[in-house]
Amino acid sequence: MANYLLRRTISAEIHKVYIMAQEVNAAVAGAFDAGAAYVLVADSHGDAQNINPALLDGRAELIRAWPRPLGMMEGIDSSFAAAVFIGYHSSEGTPNAVLANGLRSIVDQLTDGLH
């Protein structure tokens, strides 16, 4: 059992450090390829310190840790043309959910209900 837990812990750390950074970097590159002038990444899962800044595409700005008044949407304002959610998920047990975890009210606030 201890070996299984160790392997699981190592596997989770590899995901946290490498795979998440690769997924975010692919989105960052896609945004810049599509003409974005600025990309803001808000690390927002758990303790909000899942993306290793050293592995993040240097063209992007990274917001980490809590608290943040706008939660996952911290740093965004009306100057942004888009928001992309990577790895976004609802709370456990929420049937057919897309925008759960209380984010819906923030999206409504930022978009004046136009979504």
N, C-alpha and C. Protein backbone atom coordinates (compact mmCIF):
# COMPACT_ATOMS: atom_id res chain seq x y z
N MET A 1 0.82 -1.19 0.00
CA MET A 1 0.00 0.00 0.00
C MET A 1 0.87 1.26 0.00
N ALA A 2 1.94 1.26 0.77
CA ALA A 2 2.81 2.44 0.83
C ALA A 2 3.42 2.74 -0.52
N ASN A 3 3.82 1.69 -1.26
CA ASN A 3 4.38 1.91 -2.60
C ASN A 3 3.35 2.51 -3.54
N TYR A 4 2.11 2.04 -3.44
CA TYR A 4 1.03 2.57 -4.27
C TYR A 4 0.82 4.06 -3.98
N LEU A 5 0.77 4.40 -2.70
CA LEU A 5 0.57 5.80 -2.32
C LEU A 5 1.73 6.67 -2.77
N LEU A 6 2.95 6.16 -2.68
CA LEU A 6 4.12 6.91 -3.13
C LEU A 6 4.05 7.12 -4.64
N ARG A 7 3.71 6.06 -5.38
CA ARG A 7 3.59 6.19 -6.84
C ARG A 7 2.51 7.20 -7.20
N ARG A 8 1.39 7.15 -6.48
CA ARG A 8 0.30 8.09 -6.74
C ARG A 8 0.72 9.52 -6.45
N THR A 9 1.46 9.72 -5.36
CA THR A 9 1.94 11.05 -5.00
C THR A 9 2.90 11.57 -6.06
N ILE A 10 3.82 10.74 -6.49
CA ILE A 10 4.78 11.13 -7.53
C ILE A 10 4.04 11.43 -8.83
N SER A 11 3.07 10.59 -9.18
CA SER A 11 2.30 10.81 -10.40
C SER A 11 1.55 12.14 -10.33
N ALA A 12 0.95 12.45 -9.20
CA ALA A 12 0.23 13.72 -9.05
C ALA A 12 1.19 14.90 -9.17
N GLU A 13 2.37 14.77 -8.61
CA GLU A 13 3.35 15.87 -8.69
C GLU A 13 3.82 16.07 -10.12
N ILE A 14 4.03 14.98 -10.86
CA ILE A 14 4.43 15.09 -12.26
C ILE A 14 3.34 15.80 -13.03
N HIS A 15 2.08 15.44 -12.78
CA HIS A 15 0.97 16.11 -13.47
C HIS A 15 0.97 17.58 -13.13
N LYS A 16 1.10 17.89 -11.86
CA LYS A 16 1.06 19.29 -11.41
C LYS A 16 2.17 20.10 -12.07
N VAL A 17 3.37 19.56 -12.09
CA VAL A 17 4.51 20.33 -12.55
C VAL A 17 4.62 20.38 -14.07
N TYR A 18 4.41 19.28 -14.74
CA TYR A 18 4.68 19.23 -16.17
C TYR A 18 3.44 19.29 -17.04
N ILE A 19 2.50 18.42 -16.80
CA ILE A 19 1.35 18.33 -17.71
C ILE A 19 0.51 19.60 -17.66
N MET A 20 0.22 20.11 -16.47
CA MET A 20 -0.58 21.34 -16.39
C MET A 20 0.14 22.49 -17.08
N ALA A 21 1.43 22.61 -16.88
CA ALA A 21 2.19 23.67 -17.54
C ALA A 21 2.12 23.52 -19.05
N GLN A 22 2.20 22.30 -19.56
CA GLN A 22 2.12 22.08 -21.00
C GLN A 22 0.74 22.45 -21.54
N GLU A 23 -0.31 22.09 -20.80
CA GLU A 23 -1.66 22.42 -21.24
C GLU A 23 -1.86 23.94 -21.26
N VAL A 24 -1.40 24.61 -20.23
CA VAL A 24 -1.54 26.07 -20.17
C VAL A 24 -0.70 26.71 -21.27
N ASN A 25 0.51 26.24 -21.45
CA ASN A 25 1.38 26.81 -22.49
C ASN A 25 0.79 26.64 -23.89
N ALA A 26 0.10 25.53 -24.14
CA ALA A 26 -0.54 25.34 -25.43
C ALA A 26 -1.63 26.39 -25.64
N ALA A 27 -2.39 26.67 -24.59
CA ALA A 27 -3.44 27.69 -24.70
C ALA A 27 -2.83 29.08 -24.85
N VAL A 28 -1.76 29.35 -24.13
CA VAL A 28 -1.08 30.64 -24.24
C VAL A 28 -0.55 30.83 -25.66
N ALA A 29 0.11 29.81 -26.20
CA ALA A 29 0.63 29.89 -27.56
C ALA A 29 -0.50 30.10 -28.57
N GLY A 30 -1.60 29.38 -28.38
CA GLY A 30 -2.75 29.53 -29.26
C GLY A 30 -3.32 30.93 -29.22
N ALA A 31 -3.38 31.49 -28.02
CA ALA A 31 -3.91 32.86 -27.88
C ALA A 31 -3.01 33.85 -28.62
N PHE A 32 -1.71 33.73 -28.43
CA PHE A 32 -0.80 34.65 -29.12
C PHE A 32 -0.82 34.41 -30.64
N ASP A 33 -0.90 33.15 -31.06
CA ASP A 33 -0.98 32.85 -32.49
C ASP A 33 -2.24 33.46 -33.10
N ALA A 34 -3.30 33.57 -32.29
CA ALA A 34 -4.56 34.13 -32.78
C ALA A 34 -4.60 35.65 -32.70
N GLY A 35 -3.52 36.25 -32.20
CA GLY A 35 -3.45 37.70 -32.20
C GLY A 35 -3.54 38.39 -30.85
N ALA A 36 -3.58 37.62 -29.77
CA ALA A 36 -3.64 38.24 -28.45
C ALA A 36 -2.38 39.07 -28.20
N ALA A 37 -2.56 40.21 -27.57
CA ALA A 37 -1.43 41.06 -27.22
C ALA A 37 -0.99 40.80 -25.78
N TYR A 38 -1.87 40.20 -24.99
CA TYR A 38 -1.59 39.98 -23.57
C TYR A 38 -2.36 38.75 -23.11
N VAL A 39 -1.71 37.88 -22.33
CA VAL A 39 -2.37 36.70 -21.78
C VAL A 39 -2.12 36.65 -20.29
N LEU A 40 -3.19 36.54 -19.53
CA LEU A 40 -3.15 36.45 -18.08
C LEU A 40 -3.59 35.05 -17.68
N VAL A 41 -2.78 34.36 -16.89
CA VAL A 41 -3.10 33.02 -16.41
C VAL A 41 -3.40 33.11 -14.92
N ALA A 42 -4.56 32.64 -14.51
CA ALA A 42 -4.95 32.64 -13.10
C ALA A 42 -4.99 31.19 -12.62
N ASP A 43 -3.96 30.77 -11.91
CA ASP A 43 -3.90 29.43 -11.33
C ASP A 43 -4.94 29.38 -10.22
N SER A 44 -5.95 28.53 -10.36
CA SER A 44 -7.10 28.63 -9.47
C SER A 44 -7.58 27.31 -8.88
N HIS A 45 -6.84 26.25 -8.98
CA HIS A 45 -7.29 24.99 -8.41
C HIS A 45 -6.66 24.78 -7.03
N GLY A 46 -7.46 24.34 -6.09
CA GLY A 46 -6.94 24.03 -4.75
C GLY A 46 -6.27 25.22 -4.12
N ASP A 47 -4.98 25.09 -3.83
CA ASP A 47 -4.24 26.20 -3.21
C ASP A 47 -3.79 27.25 -4.22
N ALA A 48 -4.16 27.07 -5.48
CA ALA A 48 -3.85 28.01 -6.56
C ALA A 48 -2.35 28.19 -6.75
N GLN A 49 -1.62 27.11 -6.53
CA GLN A 49 -0.17 27.13 -6.77
C GLN A 49 0.23 25.85 -7.48
N ASN A 50 -0.46 25.57 -8.57
CA ASN A 50 -0.27 24.33 -9.31
C ASN A 50 0.63 24.49 -10.53
N ILE A 51 0.76 25.69 -11.03
CA ILE A 51 1.58 25.93 -12.22
C ILE A 51 2.94 26.44 -11.77
N ASN A 52 3.97 25.74 -12.19
CA ASN A 52 5.33 26.14 -11.88
C ASN A 52 5.67 27.35 -12.75
N PRO A 53 5.90 28.52 -12.14
CA PRO A 53 6.19 29.72 -12.94
C PRO A 53 7.38 29.56 -13.87
N ALA A 54 8.34 28.75 -13.50
CA ALA A 54 9.53 28.55 -14.34
C ALA A 54 9.19 27.79 -15.62
N LEU A 55 8.08 27.06 -15.63
CA LEU A 55 7.69 26.29 -16.81
C LEU A 55 6.67 27.01 -17.67
N LEU A 56 6.13 28.12 -17.18
CA LEU A 56 5.11 28.85 -17.92
C LEU A 56 5.73 29.68 -19.04
N ASP A 57 5.06 29.70 -20.18
CA ASP A 57 5.46 30.54 -21.31
C ASP A 57 5.73 31.95 -20.79
N GLY A 58 6.90 32.45 -21.03
CA GLY A 58 7.33 33.75 -20.51
C GLY A 58 6.53 34.94 -21.01
N ARG A 59 5.72 34.74 -22.03
CA ARG A 59 4.90 35.84 -22.53
C ARG A 59 3.65 36.07 -21.70
N ALA A 60 3.31 35.10 -20.86
CA ALA A 60 2.08 35.18 -20.07
C ALA A 60 2.39 35.70 -18.66
N GLU A 61 1.40 36.38 -18.09
CA GLU A 61 1.49 36.80 -16.69
C GLU A 61 0.73 35.78 -15.85
N LEU A 62 1.27 35.43 -14.68
CA LEU A 62 0.67 34.41 -13.82
C LEU A 62 0.20 35.03 -12.51
N ILE A 63 -1.06 34.75 -12.14
CA ILE A 63 -1.59 35.10 -10.83
C ILE A 63 -1.76 33.79 -10.06
N ARG A 64 -1.23 33.75 -8.83
CA ARG A 64 -1.30 32.54 -8.01
C ARG A 64 -1.77 32.88 -6.61
N ALA A 65 -2.19 31.86 -5.90
CA ALA A 65 -2.53 31.89 -4.48
C ALA A 65 -3.84 32.62 -4.22
N TRP A 66 -4.28 32.53 -3.01
CA TRP A 66 -5.53 33.14 -2.53
C TRP A 66 -5.21 34.10 -1.40
N PRO A 67 -6.07 34.98 -1.02
CA PRO A 67 -7.40 35.23 -1.55
C PRO A 67 -7.35 36.16 -2.76
N ARG A 68 -8.40 36.10 -3.54
CA ARG A 68 -8.59 36.97 -4.70
C ARG A 68 -10.06 37.37 -4.74
N PRO A 69 -10.36 38.66 -4.76
CA PRO A 69 -11.75 39.10 -4.74
C PRO A 69 -12.61 38.51 -5.87
N LEU A 70 -12.04 38.32 -7.05
CA LEU A 70 -12.81 37.76 -8.17
C LEU A 70 -12.51 36.28 -8.40
N GLY A 71 -11.89 35.65 -7.43
CA GLY A 71 -11.62 34.21 -7.54
C GLY A 71 -10.87 33.86 -8.80
N MET A 72 -11.43 32.91 -9.56
CA MET A 72 -10.79 32.44 -10.79
C MET A 72 -10.69 33.52 -11.86
N MET A 73 -11.48 34.55 -11.74
CA MET A 73 -11.50 35.62 -12.74
C MET A 73 -10.67 36.83 -12.33
N GLU A 74 -9.88 36.70 -11.29
CA GLU A 74 -9.05 37.82 -10.82
C GLU A 74 -8.17 38.34 -11.94
N GLY A 75 -8.12 39.65 -12.08
CA GLY A 75 -7.26 40.29 -13.06
C GLY A 75 -7.96 40.62 -14.36
N ILE A 76 -9.13 40.03 -14.59
CA ILE A 76 -9.83 40.28 -15.85
C ILE A 76 -10.72 41.52 -15.72
N ASP A 77 -10.85 42.23 -16.81
CA ASP A 77 -11.73 43.40 -16.83
C ASP A 77 -12.28 43.55 -18.25
N SER A 78 -12.91 44.66 -18.53
CA SER A 78 -13.56 44.84 -19.82
C SER A 78 -12.58 44.94 -20.99
N SER A 79 -11.29 45.06 -20.72
CA SER A 79 -10.32 45.13 -21.82
C SER A 79 -10.02 43.75 -22.41
N PHE A 80 -10.44 42.68 -21.75
CA PHE A 80 -10.18 41.32 -22.25
C PHE A 80 -11.24 40.94 -23.28
N ALA A 81 -10.79 40.30 -24.35
CA ALA A 81 -11.71 39.87 -25.41
C ALA A 81 -12.22 38.46 -25.17
N ALA A 82 -11.54 37.68 -24.33
CA ALA A 82 -11.94 36.28 -24.13
C ALA A 82 -11.42 35.76 -22.80
N ALA A 83 -12.05 34.69 -22.36
CA ALA A 83 -11.58 33.93 -21.20
C ALA A 83 -11.58 32.46 -21.59
N VAL A 84 -10.52 31.74 -21.24
CA VAL A 84 -10.39 30.33 -21.56
C VAL A 84 -10.20 29.58 -20.24
N PHE A 85 -10.98 28.54 -20.04
CA PHE A 85 -10.86 27.74 -18.83
C PHE A 85 -10.23 26.41 -19.19
N ILE A 86 -9.10 26.09 -18.56
CA ILE A 86 -8.38 24.85 -18.83
C ILE A 86 -8.49 23.98 -17.59
N GLY A 87 -8.98 22.78 -17.77
CA GLY A 87 -9.12 21.87 -16.64
C GLY A 87 -10.24 22.25 -15.71
N TYR A 88 -11.12 23.13 -16.15
CA TYR A 88 -12.21 23.62 -15.31
C TYR A 88 -13.21 22.50 -15.06
N HIS A 89 -13.68 22.42 -13.84
CA HIS A 89 -14.68 21.40 -13.51
C HIS A 89 -15.61 21.92 -12.42
N SER A 90 -16.74 21.28 -12.33
CA SER A 90 -17.72 21.65 -11.32
C SER A 90 -17.40 20.93 -10.02
N SER A 91 -18.15 21.26 -8.99
CA SER A 91 -17.99 20.55 -7.72
C SER A 91 -18.40 19.10 -7.88
N GLU A 92 -17.80 18.24 -7.11
CA GLU A 92 -18.12 16.83 -7.15
C GLU A 92 -19.61 16.61 -6.89
N GLY A 93 -20.21 15.77 -7.71
CA GLY A 93 -21.61 15.44 -7.52
C GLY A 93 -22.59 16.39 -8.18
N THR A 94 -22.10 17.38 -8.91
CA THR A 94 -23.00 18.33 -9.57
C THR A 94 -23.38 17.76 -10.94
N PRO A 95 -24.64 17.33 -11.10
CA PRO A 95 -25.03 16.72 -12.37
C PRO A 95 -25.09 17.74 -13.51
N ASN A 96 -24.53 17.37 -14.66
CA ASN A 96 -24.60 18.16 -15.89
C ASN A 96 -24.10 19.60 -15.72
N ALA A 97 -23.17 19.83 -14.82
CA ALA A 97 -22.73 21.20 -14.52
C ALA A 97 -21.59 21.64 -15.44
N VAL A 98 -21.57 22.91 -15.76
CA VAL A 98 -20.45 23.52 -16.47
C VAL A 98 -19.89 24.63 -15.60
N LEU A 99 -20.70 25.59 -15.20
CA LEU A 99 -20.25 26.69 -14.36
C LEU A 99 -20.80 26.52 -12.94
N ALA A 100 -20.07 25.78 -12.13
CA ALA A 100 -20.46 25.60 -10.74
C ALA A 100 -19.44 26.32 -9.86
N ASN A 101 -19.32 25.95 -8.62
CA ASN A 101 -18.36 26.52 -7.67
C ASN A 101 -18.55 28.01 -7.44
N GLY A 102 -19.72 28.55 -7.70
CA GLY A 102 -19.96 29.96 -7.44
C GLY A 102 -19.41 30.89 -8.50
N LEU A 103 -18.80 30.36 -9.54
CA LEU A 103 -18.22 31.21 -10.58
C LEU A 103 -19.30 31.91 -11.39
N ARG A 104 -20.49 31.32 -11.47
CA ARG A 104 -21.55 31.87 -12.30
C ARG A 104 -21.83 33.34 -11.95
N SER A 105 -21.88 33.68 -10.67
CA SER A 105 -22.18 35.06 -10.30
C SER A 105 -21.08 36.01 -10.74
N ILE A 106 -19.84 35.56 -10.73
CA ILE A 106 -18.72 36.40 -11.17
C ILE A 106 -18.79 36.60 -12.68
N VAL A 107 -19.10 35.52 -13.43
CA VAL A 107 -19.24 35.64 -14.88
C VAL A 107 -20.37 36.61 -15.19
N ASP A 108 -21.49 36.50 -14.49
CA ASP A 108 -22.61 37.43 -14.70
C ASP A 108 -22.17 38.87 -14.44
N GLN A 109 -21.41 39.06 -13.37
CA GLN A 109 -20.95 40.41 -13.02
C GLN A 109 -20.05 40.99 -14.09
N LEU A 110 -19.16 40.16 -14.63
CA LEU A 110 -18.19 40.66 -15.61
C LEU A 110 -18.78 40.83 -17.00
N THR A 111 -19.84 40.11 -17.29
CA THR A 111 -20.42 40.16 -18.63
C THR A 111 -21.79 40.83 -18.65
N ASP A 112 -22.18 41.42 -17.56
CA ASP A 112 -23.51 42.02 -17.44
C ASP A 112 -24.60 41.02 -17.82
N GLY A 113 -24.37 39.75 -17.49
CA GLY A 113 -25.35 38.72 -17.76
C GLY A 113 -25.42 38.25 -19.19
N LEU A 114 -24.52 38.72 -20.04
CA LEU A 114 -24.53 38.34 -21.47
C LEU A 114 -23.58 37.18 -21.70
N HIS A 115 -24.05 35.97 -21.55
CA HIS A 115 -23.21 34.78 -21.80
C HIS A 115 -23.99 33.72 -22.48
